[in-house]
Amino acid sequence: MKIFDPEGPLMTALAKLSDAVFCNIMFCLCSLPIFTIGAALAALYDCTMSIVEDTEKPSMFKQYWTSFRKNFKQATLLWLICLGVILILAAYSAAVGTLGGGLRKTYQVVFFLLAFLFLAGFQYVFPVQALMDLPMKDVLKTAWFLSAAAFPCTLGALAVLAAALFLSVLPGQSGINMTVFLWAVIGFGLTAYLQCFFFRMAFRRLKRIRREKEPEELPDPWETDFGEDSKDEKN
């Protein structure tokens, strides 16, 4: 086997890495207005899932931009809702910090529990938005249902995010410039790519549950490529 065989494992891995880098750069650019982060995340997970599934389009730019436009309205609303919850949790944490004694510890436990439950479901929101054809209410319901129904996958995806954040703060202030550079070039794309391995298992778990609980005559948005075809029909 030739090392530089276009179909070999090395060149395939490099191609996937380059796609992840491109998705990362697109995500950073599309997130600059802040309120567009939701649509940027949906497009990022749409593309990174296709990389994991080996179904990426020849033009990654076109794939990302098409997904960004498709999901813009609903993903933006979902992001604003989630951002509101984040601000509430931040205010709660600040309020708890002003307390003292055992009362503070009790409310801290409650905060960490609420934060974990929120993050567990939040990480599924934009993959579900990108890969399933659902109204906003059902996207939220499905995200938090997945966080419980595929709990090992939920922990795995959270572990990927925690590891990425830990590696970011590990160098300390002396390495902040390098950390920012790495996140701007590959951090978001690589993190999303690794999470998608767990999301793929979670989605397959959901598909099995749907088949067990719903009549066969009902349409299944997971019939092909995680609902991508139905997404195209919708738009």
Protein backbone atom coordinates (compact mmCIF):
# COMPACT_ATOMS: atom_id res chain seq x y z
CA MET A 1 0.00 0.00 0.00
CA LYS A 2 1.36 3.41 -0.96
CA ILE A 3 1.47 5.93 1.88
CA PHE A 4 0.14 8.72 -0.34
CA ASP A 5 -2.57 6.66 -2.01
CA PRO A 6 -5.58 9.02 -2.40
CA GLU A 7 -7.84 6.24 -1.11
CA GLY A 8 -5.48 5.21 1.70
CA PRO A 9 -6.06 5.83 5.40
CA LEU A 10 -3.49 8.64 5.68
CA MET A 11 -4.87 10.75 2.85
CA THR A 12 -8.45 10.03 3.95
CA ALA A 13 -7.63 11.21 7.47
CA LEU A 14 -5.93 14.35 6.12
CA ALA A 15 -8.95 15.07 3.91
CA LYS A 16 -11.28 14.78 6.90
CA LEU A 17 -8.98 17.00 8.95
CA SER A 18 -8.94 19.65 6.23
CA ASP A 19 -12.75 19.52 6.07
CA ALA A 20 -12.91 19.98 9.85
CA VAL A 21 -10.56 22.97 9.62
CA PHE A 22 -12.68 24.54 6.89
CA CYS A 23 -15.88 23.97 8.91
CA ASN A 24 -14.17 25.53 11.92
CA ILE A 25 -13.25 28.67 10.00
CA MET A 26 -16.74 28.94 8.56
CA PHE A 27 -18.22 28.54 12.03
CA CYS A 28 -16.04 31.28 13.48
CA LEU A 29 -16.89 33.69 10.66
CA CYS A 30 -20.64 32.98 10.83
CA SER A 31 -20.65 33.31 14.64
CA LEU A 32 -19.19 36.82 14.72
CA PRO A 33 -22.61 38.57 14.99
CA ILE A 34 -23.20 36.43 18.16
CA PHE A 35 -26.95 36.02 17.56
CA THR A 36 -26.13 33.79 14.56
CA ILE A 37 -24.24 31.25 16.69
CA GLY A 38 -27.25 28.90 16.67
CA ALA A 39 -27.36 28.67 12.88
CA ALA A 40 -23.58 28.40 12.76
CA LEU A 41 -23.66 25.48 15.23
CA ALA A 42 -26.39 23.72 13.27
CA ALA A 43 -24.38 24.01 10.07
CA LEU A 44 -21.21 22.90 11.86
CA TYR A 45 -22.84 19.73 13.18
CA ASP A 46 -24.51 19.08 9.85
CA CYS A 47 -21.13 19.12 8.12
CA THR A 48 -19.13 17.28 10.79
CA MET A 49 -21.77 14.53 10.95
CA SER A 50 -21.47 14.11 7.20
CA ILE A 51 -17.69 13.81 7.62
CA VAL A 52 -18.19 11.09 10.23
CA GLU A 53 -20.70 9.34 7.97
CA ASP A 54 -18.52 9.78 4.85
CA THR A 55 -21.38 11.56 3.09
CA GLU A 56 -19.80 15.02 2.82
CA LYS A 57 -20.46 16.95 -0.37
CA PRO A 58 -17.67 17.81 -2.86
CA SER A 59 -18.02 21.48 -1.90
CA MET A 60 -17.85 21.85 1.87
CA PHE A 61 -18.45 25.58 1.53
CA LYS A 62 -21.71 24.99 -0.32
CA GLN A 63 -22.80 22.33 2.18
CA TYR A 64 -22.08 24.58 5.17
CA TRP A 65 -23.67 27.67 3.67
CA THR A 66 -26.78 25.78 2.51
CA SER A 67 -27.26 24.31 5.98
CA PHE A 68 -26.67 27.71 7.60
CA ARG A 69 -29.38 29.33 5.49
CA LYS A 70 -31.85 26.45 5.96
CA ASN A 71 -31.56 26.50 9.73
CA PHE A 72 -31.08 30.22 10.23
CA LYS A 73 -34.51 31.26 11.54
CA GLN A 74 -35.30 28.35 13.85
CA ALA A 75 -31.73 27.80 15.03
CA THR A 76 -31.43 31.49 15.90
CA LEU A 77 -34.59 31.34 18.01
CA LEU A 78 -33.32 28.18 19.71
CA TRP A 79 -30.00 29.87 20.43
CA LEU A 80 -31.71 32.91 21.96
CA ILE A 81 -33.80 30.64 24.20
CA CYS A 82 -30.72 28.70 25.31
CA LEU A 83 -28.78 31.94 25.80
CA GLY A 84 -31.57 33.17 28.07
CA VAL A 85 -31.28 30.00 30.17
CA ILE A 86 -27.50 30.44 30.34
CA LEU A 87 -27.94 33.99 31.63
CA ILE A 88 -30.44 32.79 34.23
CA LEU A 89 -28.01 30.10 35.41
CA ALA A 90 -25.22 32.68 35.55
CA ALA A 91 -27.38 35.01 37.63
CA TYR A 92 -28.31 32.10 39.91
CA SER A 93 -24.63 31.24 40.37
CA ALA A 94 -23.79 34.84 41.20
CA ALA A 95 -26.60 34.99 43.74
CA VAL A 96 -25.45 31.74 45.36
CA GLY A 97 -21.96 33.20 45.66
CA THR A 98 -23.28 35.88 47.99
CA LEU A 99 -24.63 33.31 50.45
CA GLY A 100 -22.67 31.85 53.32
CA GLY A 101 -22.36 28.66 55.33
CA GLY A 102 -24.25 25.47 54.63
CA LEU A 103 -26.95 27.28 52.67
CA ARG A 104 -24.40 28.22 50.03
CA LYS A 105 -23.23 24.62 49.63
CA THR A 106 -26.81 23.40 49.27
CA TYR A 107 -27.62 25.89 46.54
CA GLN A 108 -24.31 25.16 44.83
CA VAL A 109 -25.28 21.49 44.57
CA VAL A 110 -28.60 22.55 43.06
CA PHE A 111 -26.79 24.83 40.60
CA PHE A 112 -24.39 22.12 39.42
CA LEU A 113 -27.30 19.71 38.98
CA LEU A 114 -29.27 22.26 36.93
CA ALA A 115 -26.19 23.16 34.89
CA PHE A 116 -25.49 19.51 34.13
CA LEU A 117 -29.08 18.83 33.07
CA PHE A 118 -29.03 21.90 30.85
CA LEU A 119 -25.69 21.08 29.21
CA ALA A 120 -26.70 17.44 28.70
CA GLY A 121 -29.67 18.48 26.57
CA PHE A 122 -28.19 21.65 25.11
CA GLN A 123 -25.43 19.76 23.32
CA TYR A 124 -28.06 17.87 21.30
CA VAL A 125 -30.17 20.90 20.35
CA PHE A 126 -28.30 22.00 17.24
CA PRO A 127 -27.40 18.53 15.94
CA VAL A 128 -31.11 17.67 16.18
CA GLN A 129 -32.04 20.95 14.51
CA ALA A 130 -29.62 20.28 11.67
CA LEU A 131 -30.33 16.60 11.12
CA MET A 132 -34.04 16.20 11.80
CA ASP A 133 -37.07 17.88 10.27
CA LEU A 134 -38.87 19.02 13.44
CA PRO A 135 -40.62 22.15 14.73
CA MET A 136 -38.82 24.10 17.43
CA LYS A 137 -40.79 22.65 20.36
CA ASP A 138 -40.03 19.10 19.22
CA VAL A 139 -36.35 19.91 18.72
CA LEU A 140 -36.11 20.86 22.39
CA LYS A 141 -38.10 17.83 23.53
CA THR A 142 -36.02 15.48 21.40
CA ALA A 143 -32.73 16.99 22.60
CA TRP A 144 -33.48 16.47 26.27
CA PHE A 145 -35.08 13.09 25.62
CA LEU A 146 -31.88 11.99 23.87
CA SER A 147 -29.79 13.20 26.81
CA ALA A 148 -31.58 10.66 29.01
CA ALA A 149 -32.34 7.87 26.51
CA ALA A 150 -28.72 7.71 25.32
CA PHE A 151 -27.07 8.67 28.60
CA PRO A 152 -23.70 6.95 27.95
CA CYS A 153 -23.45 8.86 24.65
CA THR A 154 -24.40 12.04 26.48
CA LEU A 155 -21.56 11.53 28.95
CA GLY A 156 -19.16 10.72 26.13
CA ALA A 157 -19.98 13.90 24.20
CA LEU A 158 -19.72 15.98 27.38
CA ALA A 159 -16.36 14.36 28.12
CA VAL A 160 -15.10 15.45 24.68
CA LEU A 161 -16.17 19.04 25.41
CA ALA A 162 -14.69 18.94 28.93
CA ALA A 163 -11.38 17.60 27.57
CA ALA A 164 -11.25 20.35 24.95
CA LEU A 165 -11.85 23.03 27.58
CA PHE A 166 -9.32 21.46 29.97
CA LEU A 167 -6.63 21.42 27.28
CA SER A 168 -7.45 25.06 26.54
CA VAL A 169 -6.82 26.26 30.09
CA LEU A 170 -3.89 23.91 30.73
CA PRO A 171 -1.19 26.20 29.26
CA GLY A 172 -2.35 29.10 31.44
CA GLN A 173 -2.00 32.77 30.52
CA SER A 174 1.37 32.22 28.88
CA GLY A 175 -0.24 30.09 26.19
CA ILE A 176 -3.42 32.07 25.65
CA ASN A 177 -2.39 33.28 22.18
CA MET A 178 -1.75 29.73 21.00
CA THR A 179 -5.04 28.56 22.55
CA VAL A 180 -7.02 31.26 20.74
CA PHE A 181 -5.24 30.41 17.49
CA LEU A 182 -6.01 26.69 17.80
CA TRP A 183 -9.69 27.31 18.54
CA ALA A 184 -9.89 29.70 15.59
CA VAL A 185 -8.33 27.12 13.26
CA ILE A 186 -9.46 23.67 14.44
CA GLY A 187 -10.86 23.66 18.00
CA PHE A 188 -14.58 23.96 17.27
CA GLY A 189 -14.48 21.74 14.20
CA LEU A 190 -12.47 18.96 15.84
CA THR A 191 -14.59 19.03 19.01
CA ALA A 192 -17.81 18.83 16.99
CA TYR A 193 -16.33 16.04 14.83
CA LEU A 194 -15.44 13.91 17.88
CA GLN A 195 -18.81 14.60 19.52
CA CYS A 196 -20.59 13.44 16.37
CA PHE A 197 -19.38 9.88 16.94
CA PHE A 198 -21.41 9.87 20.16
CA PHE A 199 -24.31 11.77 18.60
CA ARG A 200 -24.50 9.21 15.81
CA MET A 201 -24.90 6.40 18.37
CA ALA A 202 -27.51 8.45 20.24
CA PHE A 203 -29.50 9.09 17.05
CA ARG A 204 -29.46 5.40 16.21
CA ARG A 205 -30.74 4.68 19.70
CA LEU A 206 -33.58 7.14 19.08
CA LYS A 207 -34.35 5.49 15.75
CA ARG A 208 -34.68 2.10 17.44
CA ILE A 209 -37.01 3.57 20.07
CA ARG A 210 -39.17 5.16 17.38
CA ARG A 211 -39.48 1.89 15.51
CA GLU A 212 -40.49 0.06 18.69
CA LYS A 213 -43.08 2.60 19.83
CA GLU A 214 -44.60 4.03 16.64
CA PRO A 215 -46.72 2.31 13.95
CA GLU A 216 -44.83 1.46 10.77
CA GLU A 217 -47.19 3.53 8.64
CA LEU A 218 -46.07 6.78 10.29
CA PRO A 219 -43.36 8.65 8.36
CA ASP A 220 -39.90 8.21 9.80
CA PRO A 221 -37.63 11.28 9.40
CA TRP A 222 -34.65 9.01 10.09
CA GLU A 223 -35.25 6.77 7.10
CA THR A 224 -32.29 8.15 5.13
CA ASP A 225 -29.18 9.98 6.30
CA PHE A 226 -30.63 11.28 9.56
CA GLY A 227 -33.48 13.11 7.86
CA GLU A 228 -31.41 15.10 5.39
CA ASP A 229 -33.78 14.30 2.55
CA SER A 230 -36.77 15.60 4.47
CA LYS A 231 -34.79 18.73 5.29
CA ASP A 232 -34.30 19.35 1.58
CA GLU A 233 -37.99 18.81 0.85
CA LYS A 234 -38.97 21.23 3.58
CA ASN A 235 -36.88 23.96 2.03
